[in-house]
């Protein structure tokens, strides 16, 4: 795993979950992973539902660097992929994003 991860948390309404999950796995994730600077990715489904019954998924995209993620987020491809998601599922998903970088770990006191 790389030291930089683009973490995306997606909450999906129950009526759209199956349709969204297939599209996300078969179309969206491969398109993101085809962008420069991405090394791999993985998606999990939370076993607990949100308070209002929506499903929660977490996608981690391993990247070469923070700069690679920022370049993707500013790119035409990044804008196109976000717009495609929003057009298809913007009304039935809630999304939060974070760029995570390995920090200094200390042990002991």
PDB file of N, CA and C in Angstrom:
ATOM      1  N   UNK A   1       0.840  -1.168   0.000  1.00  0.00           N
ATOM      2  CA  UNK A   1       0.000   0.000   0.000  1.00  0.00           C
ATOM      3  C   UNK A   1       0.894   1.242   0.000  1.00  0.00           C
ATOM      4  N   UNK A   2       0.457   2.278  -0.705  1.00  0.00           N
ATOM      5  CA  UNK A   2       1.264   3.494  -0.761  1.00  0.00           C
ATOM      6  C   UNK A   2       1.063   4.329   0.493  1.00  0.00           C
ATOM      7  N   UNK A   3       1.875   5.348   0.630  1.00  0.00           N
ATOM      8  CA  UNK A   3       1.799   6.226   1.791  1.00  0.00           C
ATOM      9  C   UNK A   3       0.756   7.314   1.610  1.00  0.00           C
ATOM     10  N   UNK A   4       0.100   7.344   0.447  1.00  0.00           N
ATOM     11  CA  UNK A   4      -0.922   8.351   0.183  1.00  0.00           C
ATOM     12  C   UNK A   4      -2.184   7.664  -0.316  1.00  0.00           C
ATOM     13  N   UNK A   5      -3.317   8.022   0.294  1.00  0.00           N
ATOM     14  CA  UNK A   5      -4.595   7.414  -0.062  1.00  0.00           C
ATOM     15  C   UNK A   5      -5.627   8.511  -0.280  1.00  0.00           C
ATOM     16  N   UNK A   6      -6.385   8.367  -1.349  1.00  0.00           N
ATOM     17  CA  UNK A   6      -7.552   9.210  -1.593  1.00  0.00           C
ATOM     18  C   UNK A   6      -8.732   8.402  -1.088  1.00  0.00           C
ATOM     19  N   UNK A   7      -9.311   8.824   0.032  1.00  0.00           N
ATOM     20  CA  UNK A   7     -10.401   8.098   0.670  1.00  0.00           C
ATOM     21  C   UNK A   7     -11.720   8.775   0.337  1.00  0.00           C
ATOM     22  N   UNK A   8     -12.659   7.989  -0.163  1.00  0.00           N
ATOM     23  CA  UNK A   8     -13.971   8.517  -0.526  1.00  0.00           C
ATOM     24  C   UNK A   8     -15.021   7.690   0.208  1.00  0.00           C
ATOM     25  N   UNK A   9     -15.853   8.369   0.988  1.00  0.00           N
ATOM     26  CA  UNK A   9     -16.950   7.721   1.697  1.00  0.00           C
ATOM     27  C   UNK A   9     -18.231   8.074   0.953  1.00  0.00           C
ATOM     28  N   UNK A  10     -18.955   7.034   0.550  1.00  0.00           N
ATOM     29  CA  UNK A  10     -20.173   7.235  -0.217  1.00  0.00           C
ATOM     30  C   UNK A  10     -21.326   6.583   0.523  1.00  0.00           C
ATOM     31  N   UNK A  11     -22.336   7.377   0.846  1.00  0.00           N
ATOM     32  CA  UNK A  11     -23.564   6.845   1.421  1.00  0.00           C
ATOM     33  C   UNK A  11     -24.583   6.794   0.295  1.00  0.00           C
ATOM     34  N   UNK A  12     -25.272   5.658   0.181  1.00  0.00           N
ATOM     35  CA  UNK A  12     -26.162   5.413  -0.950  1.00  0.00           C
ATOM     36  C   UNK A  12     -27.558   5.057  -0.440  1.00  0.00           C
ATOM     37  N   UNK A  13     -28.567   5.666  -1.040  1.00  0.00           N
ATOM     38  CA  UNK A  13     -29.940   5.363  -0.645  1.00  0.00           C
ATOM     39  C   UNK A  13     -30.265   3.903  -0.963  1.00  0.00           C
ATOM     40  N   UNK A  14     -31.128   3.283  -0.160  1.00  0.00           N
ATOM     41  CA  UNK A  14     -31.433   1.861  -0.359  1.00  0.00           C
ATOM     42  C   UNK A  14     -31.953   1.545  -1.765  1.00  0.00           C
ATOM     43  N   UNK A  15     -32.779   2.404  -2.328  1.00  0.00           N
ATOM     44  CA  UNK A  15     -33.369   2.106  -3.636  1.00  0.00           C
ATOM     45  C   UNK A  15     -32.354   2.166  -4.781  1.00  0.00           C
ATOM     46  N   UNK A  16     -31.227   2.836  -4.577  1.00  0.00           N
ATOM     47  CA  UNK A  16     -30.217   2.966  -5.636  1.00  0.00           C
ATOM     48  C   UNK A  16     -28.981   2.109  -5.386  1.00  0.00           C
ATOM     49  N   UNK A  17     -28.905   1.452  -4.238  1.00  0.00           N
ATOM     50  CA  UNK A  17     -27.656   0.789  -3.849  1.00  0.00           C
ATOM     51  C   UNK A  17     -27.162  -0.252  -4.856  1.00  0.00           C
ATOM     52  N   UNK A  18     -27.991  -1.173  -5.254  1.00  0.00           N
ATOM     53  CA  UNK A  18     -27.536  -2.241  -6.157  1.00  0.00           C
ATOM     54  C   UNK A  18     -27.054  -1.663  -7.480  1.00  0.00           C
ATOM     55  N   UNK A  19     -27.826  -0.790  -8.063  1.00  0.00           N
ATOM     56  CA  UNK A  19     -27.479  -0.148  -9.338  1.00  0.00           C
ATOM     57  C   UNK A  19     -26.183   0.644  -9.209  1.00  0.00           C
ATOM     58  N   UNK A  20     -26.067   1.453  -8.134  1.00  0.00           N
ATOM     59  CA  UNK A  20     -24.864   2.268  -7.918  1.00  0.00           C
ATOM     60  C   UNK A  20     -23.636   1.373  -7.691  1.00  0.00           C
ATOM     61  N   UNK A  21     -23.765   0.345  -6.842  1.00  0.00           N
ATOM     62  CA  UNK A  21     -22.620  -0.506  -6.490  1.00  0.00           C
ATOM     63  C   UNK A  21     -22.040  -1.198  -7.720  1.00  0.00           C
ATOM     64  N   UNK A  22     -22.881  -1.676  -8.611  1.00  0.00           N
ATOM     65  CA  UNK A  22     -22.391  -2.318  -9.838  1.00  0.00           C
ATOM     66  C   UNK A  22     -21.685  -1.306 -10.737  1.00  0.00           C
ATOM     67  N   UNK A  23     -22.306  -0.151 -10.949  1.00  0.00           N
ATOM     68  CA  UNK A  23     -21.706   0.882 -11.783  1.00  0.00           C
ATOM     69  C   UNK A  23     -20.378   1.349 -11.183  1.00  0.00           C
ATOM     70  N   UNK A  24     -20.338   1.566  -9.882  1.00  0.00           N
ATOM     71  CA  UNK A  24     -19.131   2.051  -9.227  1.00  0.00           C
ATOM     72  C   UNK A  24     -17.981   1.058  -9.394  1.00  0.00           C
ATOM     73  N   UNK A  25     -18.259  -0.225  -9.199  1.00  0.00           N
ATOM     74  CA  UNK A  25     -17.219  -1.257  -9.308  1.00  0.00           C
ATOM     75  C   UNK A  25     -16.794  -1.510 -10.757  1.00  0.00           C
ATOM     76  N   UNK A  26     -17.750  -1.522 -11.676  1.00  0.00           N
ATOM     77  CA  UNK A  26     -17.455  -1.896 -13.064  1.00  0.00           C
ATOM     78  C   UNK A  26     -17.013  -0.736 -13.947  1.00  0.00           C
ATOM     79  N   UNK A  27     -17.428   0.482 -13.606  1.00  0.00           N
ATOM     80  CA  UNK A  27     -17.155   1.633 -14.474  1.00  0.00           C
ATOM     81  C   UNK A  27     -16.307   2.693 -13.765  1.00  0.00           C
ATOM     82  N   UNK A  28     -16.815   3.208 -12.659  1.00  0.00           N
ATOM     83  CA  UNK A  28     -16.191   4.382 -12.039  1.00  0.00           C
ATOM     84  C   UNK A  28     -14.800   4.093 -11.478  1.00  0.00           C
ATOM     85  N   UNK A  29     -14.672   3.070 -10.642  1.00  0.00           N
ATOM     86  CA  UNK A  29     -13.361   2.786 -10.049  1.00  0.00           C
ATOM     87  C   UNK A  29     -12.306   2.500 -11.113  1.00  0.00           C
ATOM     88  N   UNK A  30     -12.588   1.674 -12.117  1.00  0.00           N
ATOM     89  CA  UNK A  30     -11.566   1.467 -13.152  1.00  0.00           C
ATOM     90  C   UNK A  30     -11.160   2.753 -13.871  1.00  0.00           C
ATOM     91  N   UNK A  31     -12.111   3.657 -14.084  1.00  0.00           N
ATOM     92  CA  UNK A  31     -11.779   4.920 -14.743  1.00  0.00           C
ATOM     93  C   UNK A  31     -10.884   5.792 -13.866  1.00  0.00           C
ATOM     94  N   UNK A  32     -11.166   5.825 -12.564  1.00  0.00           N
ATOM     95  CA  UNK A  32     -10.304   6.580 -11.653  1.00  0.00           C
ATOM     96  C   UNK A  32      -8.913   5.955 -11.629  1.00  0.00           C
ATOM     97  N   UNK A  33      -8.849   4.642 -11.507  1.00  0.00           N
ATOM     98  CA  UNK A  33      -7.562   3.958 -11.405  1.00  0.00           C
ATOM     99  C   UNK A  33      -6.736   4.041 -12.685  1.00  0.00           C
ATOM    100  N   UNK A  34      -7.359   4.366 -13.796  1.00  0.00           N
ATOM    101  CA  UNK A  34      -6.634   4.537 -15.059  1.00  0.00           C
ATOM    102  C   UNK A  34      -5.946   5.900 -15.154  1.00  0.00           C
ATOM    103  N   UNK A  35      -6.211   6.784 -14.193  1.00  0.00           N
ATOM    104  CA  UNK A  35      -5.627   8.119 -14.230  1.00  0.00           C
ATOM    105  C   UNK A  35      -4.176   8.081 -13.740  1.00  0.00           C
ATOM    106  N   UNK A  36      -3.350   8.999 -14.244  1.00  0.00           N
ATOM    107  CA  UNK A  36      -1.938   9.035 -13.834  1.00  0.00           C
ATOM    108  C   UNK A  36      -1.788   9.196 -12.319  1.00  0.00           C
ATOM    109  N   UNK A  37      -0.853   8.462 -11.756  1.00  0.00           N
ATOM    110  CA  UNK A  37      -0.529   8.599 -10.338  1.00  0.00           C
ATOM    111  C   UNK A  37      -1.241   7.636  -9.418  1.00  0.00           C
ATOM    112  N   UNK A  38      -2.269   6.918  -9.924  1.00  0.00           N
ATOM    113  CA  UNK A  38      -2.973   5.955  -9.084  1.00  0.00           C
ATOM    114  C   UNK A  38      -2.350   4.573  -9.250  1.00  0.00           C
ATOM    115  N   UNK A  39      -2.177   3.872  -8.122  1.00  0.00           N
ATOM    116  CA  UNK A  39      -1.520   2.562  -8.121  1.00  0.00           C
ATOM    117  C   UNK A  39      -2.479   1.403  -7.903  1.00  0.00           C
ATOM    118  N   UNK A  40      -3.605   1.665  -7.298  1.00  0.00           N
ATOM    119  CA  UNK A  40      -4.558   0.599  -7.009  1.00  0.00           C
ATOM    120  C   UNK A  40      -5.667   1.130  -6.130  1.00  0.00           C
ATOM    121  N   UNK A  41      -6.630   0.293  -5.875  1.00  0.00           N
ATOM    122  CA  UNK A  41      -7.732   0.731  -5.037  1.00  0.00           C
ATOM    123  C   UNK A  41      -8.518  -0.440  -4.503  1.00  0.00           C
ATOM    124  N   UNK A  42      -9.350  -0.134  -3.539  1.00  0.00           N
ATOM    125  CA  UNK A  42     -10.176  -1.150  -2.902  1.00  0.00           C
ATOM    126  C   UNK A  42     -11.411  -0.465  -2.338  1.00  0.00           C
ATOM    127  N   UNK A  43     -12.516  -1.210  -2.310  1.00  0.00           N
ATOM    128  CA  UNK A  43     -13.764  -0.659  -1.772  1.00  0.00           C
ATOM    129  C   UNK A  43     -14.334  -1.615  -0.737  1.00  0.00           C
ATOM    130  N   UNK A  44     -14.859  -1.039   0.317  1.00  0.00           N
ATOM    131  CA  UNK A  44     -15.514  -1.803   1.376  1.00  0.00           C
ATOM    132  C   UNK A  44     -16.947  -1.325   1.540  1.00  0.00           C
ATOM    133  N   UNK A  45     -17.791  -2.231   2.033  1.00  0.00           N
ATOM    134  CA  UNK A  45     -19.162  -1.868   2.403  1.00  0.00           C
ATOM    135  C   UNK A  45     -19.263  -2.003   3.911  1.00  0.00           C
ATOM    136  N   UNK A  46     -19.700  -0.938   4.554  1.00  0.00           N
ATOM    137  CA  UNK A  46     -19.903  -0.943   6.002  1.00  0.00           C
ATOM    138  C   UNK A  46     -21.051  -1.901   6.326  1.00  0.00           C
ATOM    139  N   UNK A  47     -20.865  -2.739   7.320  1.00  0.00           N
ATOM    140  CA  UNK A  47     -21.909  -3.687   7.706  1.00  0.00           C
ATOM    141  C   UNK A  47     -23.061  -3.007   8.432  1.00  0.00           C
ATOM    142  N   UNK A  48     -22.822  -1.823   8.944  1.00  0.00           N
ATOM    143  CA  UNK A  48     -23.870  -1.046   9.615  1.00  0.00           C
ATOM    144  C   UNK A  48     -24.456  -0.034   8.632  1.00  0.00           C
ATOM    145  N   UNK A  49     -25.735   0.197   8.707  1.00  0.00           N
ATOM    146  CA  UNK A  49     -26.388   1.229   7.906  1.00  0.00           C
ATOM    147  C   UNK A  49     -26.309   2.565   8.647  1.00  0.00           C
ATOM    148  N   UNK A  50     -26.474   3.651   7.909  1.00  0.00           N
ATOM    149  CA  UNK A  50     -26.523   4.961   8.554  1.00  0.00           C
ATOM    150  C   UNK A  50     -27.809   5.052   9.371  1.00  0.00           C
ATOM    151  N   UNK A  51     -27.948   6.094  10.173  1.00  0.00           N
ATOM    152  CA  UNK A  51     -29.152   6.245  11.002  1.00  0.00           C
ATOM    153  C   UNK A  51     -30.432   6.275  10.180  1.00  0.00           C
ATOM    154  N   UNK A  52     -30.338   6.808   8.959  1.00  0.00           N
ATOM    155  CA  UNK A  52     -31.532   6.880   8.119  1.00  0.00           C
ATOM    156  C   UNK A  52     -31.640   5.705   7.138  1.00  0.00           C
ATOM    157  N   UNK A  53     -30.828   4.660   7.350  1.00  0.00           N
ATOM    158  CA  UNK A  53     -30.977   3.435   6.584  1.00  0.00           C
ATOM    159  C   UNK A  53     -30.187   3.342   5.291  1.00  0.00           C
ATOM    160  N   UNK A  54     -29.340   4.330   5.007  1.00  0.00           N
ATOM    161  CA  UNK A  54     -28.549   4.287   3.783  1.00  0.00           C
ATOM    162  C   UNK A  54     -27.348   3.366   3.966  1.00  0.00           C
ATOM    163  N   UNK A  55     -26.860   2.819   2.864  1.00  0.00           N
ATOM    164  CA  UNK A  55     -25.649   1.995   2.882  1.00  0.00           C
ATOM    165  C   UNK A  55     -24.432   2.915   2.847  1.00  0.00           C
ATOM    166  N   UNK A  56     -23.335   2.467   3.443  1.00  0.00           N
ATOM    167  CA  UNK A  56     -22.096   3.259   3.433  1.00  0.00           C
ATOM    168  C   UNK A  56     -20.977   2.420   2.820  1.00  0.00           C
ATOM    169  N   UNK A  57     -20.303   3.000   1.838  1.00  0.00           N
ATOM    170  CA  UNK A  57     -19.141   2.380   1.196  1.00  0.00           C
ATOM    171  C   UNK A  57     -17.943   3.289   1.405  1.00  0.00           C
ATOM    172  N   UNK A  58     -16.770   2.676   1.484  1.00  0.00           N
ATOM    173  CA  UNK A  58     -15.527   3.434   1.591  1.00  0.00           C
ATOM    174  C   UNK A  58     -14.588   2.932   0.500  1.00  0.00           C
ATOM    175  N   UNK A  59     -14.162   3.847  -0.369  1.00  0.00           N
ATOM    176  CA  UNK A  59     -13.217   3.512  -1.434  1.00  0.00           C
ATOM    177  C   UNK A  59     -11.873   4.143  -1.094  1.00  0.00           C
ATOM    178  N   UNK A  60     -10.815   3.347  -1.159  1.00  0.00           N
ATOM    179  CA  UNK A  60      -9.446   3.844  -0.960  1.00  0.00           C
ATOM    180  C   UNK A  60      -8.694   3.672  -2.269  1.00  0.00           C
ATOM    181  N   UNK A  61      -8.194   4.791  -2.775  1.00  0.00           N
ATOM    182  CA  UNK A  61      -7.381   4.778  -3.989  1.00  0.00           C
ATOM    183  C   UNK A  61      -5.947   5.066  -3.572  1.00  0.00           C
ATOM    184  N   UNK A  62      -5.054   4.109  -3.765  1.00  0.00           N
ATOM    185  CA  UNK A  62      -3.635   4.299  -3.456  1.00  0.00           C
ATOM    186  C   UNK A  62      -3.013   5.148  -4.556  1.00  0.00           C
ATOM    187  N   UNK A  63      -2.223   6.134  -4.153  1.00  0.00           N
ATOM    188  CA  UNK A  63      -1.618   7.041  -5.116  1.00  0.00           C
ATOM    189  C   UNK A  63      -0.128   7.201  -4.855  1.00  0.00           C
ATOM    190  N   UNK A  64       0.578   7.654  -5.875  1.00  0.00           N
ATOM    191  CA  UNK A  64       2.020   7.880  -5.758  1.00  0.00           C
ATOM    192  C   UNK A  64       2.340   8.978  -4.753  1.00  0.00           C
ATOM    193  N   UNK A  65       1.472  10.001  -4.689  1.00  0.00           N
ATOM    194  CA  UNK A  65       1.760  11.148  -3.832  1.00  0.00           C
ATOM    195  C   UNK A  65       0.511  11.990  -3.647  1.00  0.00           C
ATOM    196  N   UNK A  66       0.572  12.906  -2.691  1.00  0.00           N
ATOM    197  CA  UNK A  66      -0.496  13.883  -2.504  1.00  0.00           C
ATOM    198  C   UNK A  66      -0.646  14.703  -3.777  1.00  0.00           C
ATOM    199  N   UNK A  67       0.468  15.059  -4.388  1.00  0.00           N
ATOM    200  CA  UNK A  67       0.438  15.862  -5.617  1.00  0.00           C
ATOM    201  C   UNK A  67      -0.312  15.140  -6.743  1.00  0.00           C
ATOM    202  N   UNK A  68      -0.162  13.823  -6.824  1.00  0.00           N
ATOM    203  CA  UNK A  68      -0.873  13.057  -7.855  1.00  0.00           C
ATOM    204  C   UNK A  68      -2.384  13.136  -7.649  1.00  0.00           C
ATOM    205  N   UNK A  69      -2.812  13.062  -6.401  1.00  0.00           N
ATOM    206  CA  UNK A  69      -4.246  13.159  -6.111  1.00  0.00           C
ATOM    207  C   UNK A  69      -4.747  14.565  -6.422  1.00  0.00           C
ATOM    208  N   UNK A  70      -3.995  15.565  -6.003  1.00  0.00           N
ATOM    209  CA  UNK A  70      -4.411  16.944  -6.273  1.00  0.00           C
ATOM    210  C   UNK A  70      -4.453  17.219  -7.774  1.00  0.00           C
ATOM    211  N   UNK A  71      -3.498  16.675  -8.531  1.00  0.00           N
ATOM    212  CA  UNK A  71      -3.497  16.848  -9.988  1.00  0.00           C
ATOM    213  C   UNK A  71      -4.744  16.198 -10.582  1.00  0.00           C
ATOM    214  N   UNK A  72      -5.106  15.023 -10.098  1.00  0.00           N
ATOM    215  CA  UNK A  72      -6.323  14.351 -10.561  1.00  0.00           C
ATOM    216  C   UNK A  72      -7.554  15.200 -10.251  1.00  0.00           C
ATOM    217  N   UNK A  73      -7.630  15.718  -9.038  1.00  0.00           N
ATOM    218  CA  UNK A  73      -8.803  16.502  -8.641  1.00  0.00           C
ATOM    219  C   UNK A  73      -8.947  17.783  -9.463  1.00  0.00           C
ATOM    220  N   UNK A  74      -7.833  18.317  -9.976  1.00  0.00           N
ATOM    221  CA  UNK A  74      -7.874  19.530 -10.805  1.00  0.00           C
ATOM    222  C   UNK A  74      -8.013  19.211 -12.294  1.00  0.00           C
ATOM    223  N   UNK A  75      -7.865  17.963 -12.658  1.00  0.00           N
ATOM    224  CA  UNK A  75      -7.814  17.587 -14.072  1.00  0.00           C
ATOM    225  C   UNK A  75      -9.192  17.580 -14.730  1.00  0.00           C
ATOM    226  N   UNK A  76      -9.149  17.616 -16.056  1.00  0.00           N
ATOM    227  CA  UNK A  76     -10.368  17.496 -16.846  1.00  0.00           C
ATOM    228  C   UNK A  76     -11.026  16.138 -16.611  1.00  0.00           C
ATOM    229  N   UNK A  77     -10.210  15.087 -16.542  1.00  0.00           N
ATOM    230  CA  UNK A  77     -10.745  13.741 -16.296  1.00  0.00           C
ATOM    231  C   UNK A  77     -11.414  13.668 -14.925  1.00  0.00           C
ATOM    232  N   UNK A  78     -10.787  14.247 -13.913  1.00  0.00           N
ATOM    233  CA  UNK A  78     -11.377  14.252 -12.578  1.00  0.00           C
ATOM    234  C   UNK A  78     -12.715  14.975 -12.563  1.00  0.00           C
ATOM    235  N   UNK A  79     -12.783  16.118 -13.236  1.00  0.00           N
ATOM    236  CA  UNK A  79     -14.034  16.877 -13.315  1.00  0.00           C
ATOM    237  C   UNK A  79     -15.098  16.079 -14.071  1.00  0.00           C
ATOM    238  N   UNK A  80     -14.685  15.405 -15.152  1.00  0.00           N
ATOM    239  CA  UNK A  80     -15.622  14.606 -15.945  1.00  0.00           C
ATOM    240  C   UNK A  80     -16.169  13.435 -15.133  1.00  0.00           C
ATOM    241  N   UNK A  81     -15.301  12.742 -14.403  1.00  0.00           N
ATOM    242  CA  UNK A  81     -15.747  11.600 -13.613  1.00  0.00           C
ATOM    243  C   UNK A  81     -16.676  12.035 -12.481  1.00  0.00           C
ATOM    244  N   UNK A  82     -16.370  13.149 -11.843  1.00  0.00           N
ATOM    245  CA  UNK A  82     -17.245  13.672 -10.787  1.00  0.00           C
ATOM    246  C   UNK A  82     -18.596  14.073 -11.368  1.00  0.00           C
ATOM    247  N   UNK A  83     -18.583  14.759 -12.512  1.00  0.00           N
ATOM    248  CA  UNK A  83     -19.831  15.188 -13.156  1.00  0.00           C
ATOM    249  C   UNK A  83     -20.676  13.984 -13.575  1.00  0.00           C
ATOM    250  N   UNK A  84     -20.022  12.929 -14.078  1.00  0.00           N
ATOM    251  CA  UNK A  84     -20.746  11.722 -14.468  1.00  0.00           C
ATOM    252  C   UNK A  84     -21.421  11.100 -13.256  1.00  0.00           C
ATOM    253  N   UNK A  85     -20.678  10.991 -12.160  1.00  0.00           N
ATOM    254  CA  UNK A  85     -21.265  10.443 -10.928  1.00  0.00           C
ATOM    255  C   UNK A  85     -22.444  11.293 -10.468  1.00  0.00           C
ATOM    256  N   UNK A  86     -22.251  12.604 -10.441  1.00  0.00           N
ATOM    257  CA  UNK A  86     -23.311  13.490  -9.974  1.00  0.00           C
ATOM    258  C   UNK A  86     -24.552  13.408 -10.859  1.00  0.00           C
ATOM    259  N   UNK A  87     -24.357  13.304 -12.174  1.00  0.00           N
ATOM    260  CA  UNK A  87     -25.497  13.214 -13.090  1.00  0.00           C
ATOM    261  C   UNK A  87     -26.271  11.911 -12.886  1.00  0.00           C
ATOM    262  N   UNK A  88     -25.553  10.819 -12.644  1.00  0.00           N
ATOM    263  CA  UNK A  88     -26.196   9.521 -12.480  1.00  0.00           C
ATOM    264  C   UNK A  88     -26.778   9.325 -11.080  1.00  0.00           C
ATOM    265  N   UNK A  89     -26.003   9.729 -10.056  1.00  0.00           N
ATOM    266  CA  UNK A  89     -26.344   9.343  -8.685  1.00  0.00           C
ATOM    267  C   UNK A  89     -26.293  10.491  -7.675  1.00  0.00           C
ATOM    268  N   UNK A  90     -26.217  11.718  -8.149  1.00  0.00           N
ATOM    269  CA  UNK A  90     -26.082  12.858  -7.241  1.00  0.00           C
ATOM    270  C   UNK A  90     -27.225  13.032  -6.253  1.00  0.00           C
ATOM    271  N   UNK A  91     -28.417  12.603  -6.635  1.00  0.00           N
ATOM    272  CA  UNK A  91     -29.565  12.773  -5.742  1.00  0.00           C
ATOM    273  C   UNK A  91     -29.757  11.599  -4.784  1.00  0.00           C
ATOM    274  N   UNK A  92     -28.988  10.518  -4.993  1.00  0.00           N
ATOM    275  CA  UNK A  92     -29.166   9.327  -4.150  1.00  0.00           C
ATOM    276  C   UNK A  92     -27.878   8.921  -3.441  1.00  0.00           C
ATOM    277  N   UNK A  93     -26.894   9.820  -3.426  1.00  0.00           N
ATOM    278  CA  UNK A  93     -25.646   9.570  -2.702  1.00  0.00           C
ATOM    279  C   UNK A  93     -25.245  10.807  -1.916  1.00  0.00           C
ATOM    280  N   UNK A  94     -24.480  10.559  -0.862  1.00  0.00           N
ATOM    281  CA  UNK A  94     -23.829  11.625  -0.089  1.00  0.00           C
ATOM    282  C   UNK A  94     -22.365  11.236  -0.028  1.00  0.00           C
ATOM    283  N   UNK A  95     -21.483  12.182  -0.364  1.00  0.00           N
ATOM    284  CA  UNK A  95     -20.064  11.841  -0.503  1.00  0.00           C
ATOM    285  C   UNK A  95     -19.193  12.771   0.330  1.00  0.00           C
ATOM    286  N   UNK A  96     -18.172  12.187   0.952  1.00  0.00           N
ATOM    287  CA  UNK A  96     -17.108  12.979   1.571  1.00  0.00           C
ATOM    288  C   UNK A  96     -15.781  12.410   1.093  1.00  0.00           C
ATOM    289  N   UNK A  97     -14.808  13.296   0.949  1.00  0.00           N
ATOM    290  CA  UNK A  97     -13.501  12.899   0.415  1.00  0.00           C
ATOM    291  C   UNK A  97     -12.402  13.384   1.347  1.00  0.00           C
ATOM    292  N   UNK A  98     -11.298  12.635   1.387  1.00  0.00           N
ATOM    293  CA  UNK A  98     -10.136  13.029   2.181  1.00  0.00           C
ATOM    294  C   UNK A  98      -8.874  12.526   1.500  1.00  0.00           C
ATOM    295  N   UNK A  99      -7.819  13.311   1.602  1.00  0.00           N
ATOM    296  CA  UNK A  99      -6.505  12.901   1.123  1.00  0.00           C
ATOM    297  C   UNK A  99      -5.697  12.562   2.368  1.00  0.00           C
ATOM    298  N   UNK A 100      -5.257  11.301   2.450  1.00  0.00           N
ATOM    299  CA  UNK A 100      -4.571  10.811   3.639  1.00  0.00           C
ATOM    300  C   UNK A 100      -3.110  10.517   3.301  1.00  0.00           C
ATOM    301  N   UNK A 101      -2.231  11.004   4.162  1.00  0.00           N
ATOM    302  CA  UNK A 101      -0.805  10.783   3.965  1.00  0.00           C
ATOM    303  C   UNK A 101      -0.234  10.203   5.241  1.00  0.00           C
ATOM    304  N   UNK A 102       0.651   9.213   5.094  1.00  0.00           N
ATOM    305  CA  UNK A 102       1.256   8.590   6.264  1.00  0.00           C
ATOM    306  C   UNK A 102       2.046   9.639   7.039  1.00  0.00           C
ATOM    307  N   UNK A 103       1.858   9.656   8.329  1.00  0.00           N
ATOM    308  CA  UNK A 103       2.566  10.598   9.178  1.00  0.00           C
ATOM    309  C   UNK A 103       3.650   9.910   9.969  1.00  0.00           C
ATOM    310  N   UNK A 104       4.226  10.653  10.851  1.00  0.00           N
ATOM    311  CA  UNK A 104       5.274  10.100  11.710  1.00  0.00           C
ATOM    312  C   UNK A 104       4.586   9.330  12.828  1.00  0.00           C
ATOM    313  N   UNK A 105       4.993   8.089  12.992  1.00  0.00           N
ATOM    314  CA  UNK A 105       4.430   7.272  14.058  1.00  0.00           C
ATOM    315  C   UNK A 105       5.435   7.165  15.186  1.00  0.00           C
ATOM    316  N   UNK A 106       4.953   7.306  16.396  1.00  0.00           N
ATOM    317  CA  UNK A 106       5.821   7.184  17.575  1.00  0.00           C
ATOM    318  C   UNK A 106       5.324   6.052  18.449  1.00  0.00           C
ATOM    319  N   UNK A 107       6.240   5.379  19.043  1.00  0.00           N
ATOM    320  CA  UNK A 107       5.867   4.338  19.987  1.00  0.00           C
ATOM    321  C   UNK A 107       6.456   4.702  21.344  1.00  0.00           C
ATOM    322  N   UNK A 108       5.822   4.247  22.363  1.00  0.00           N
ATOM    323  CA  UNK A 108       6.306   4.538  23.719  1.00  0.00           C
ATOM    324  C   UNK A 108       5.994   5.967  24.122  1.00  0.00           C
ATOM    325  N   UNK A 109       6.547   6.388  25.268  1.00  0.00           N
ATOM    326  CA  UNK A 109       6.265   7.751  25.722  1.00  0.00           C
ATOM    327  C   UNK A 109       7.481   8.614  25.786  1.00  0.00           C
TER     328      UNK A 109
END
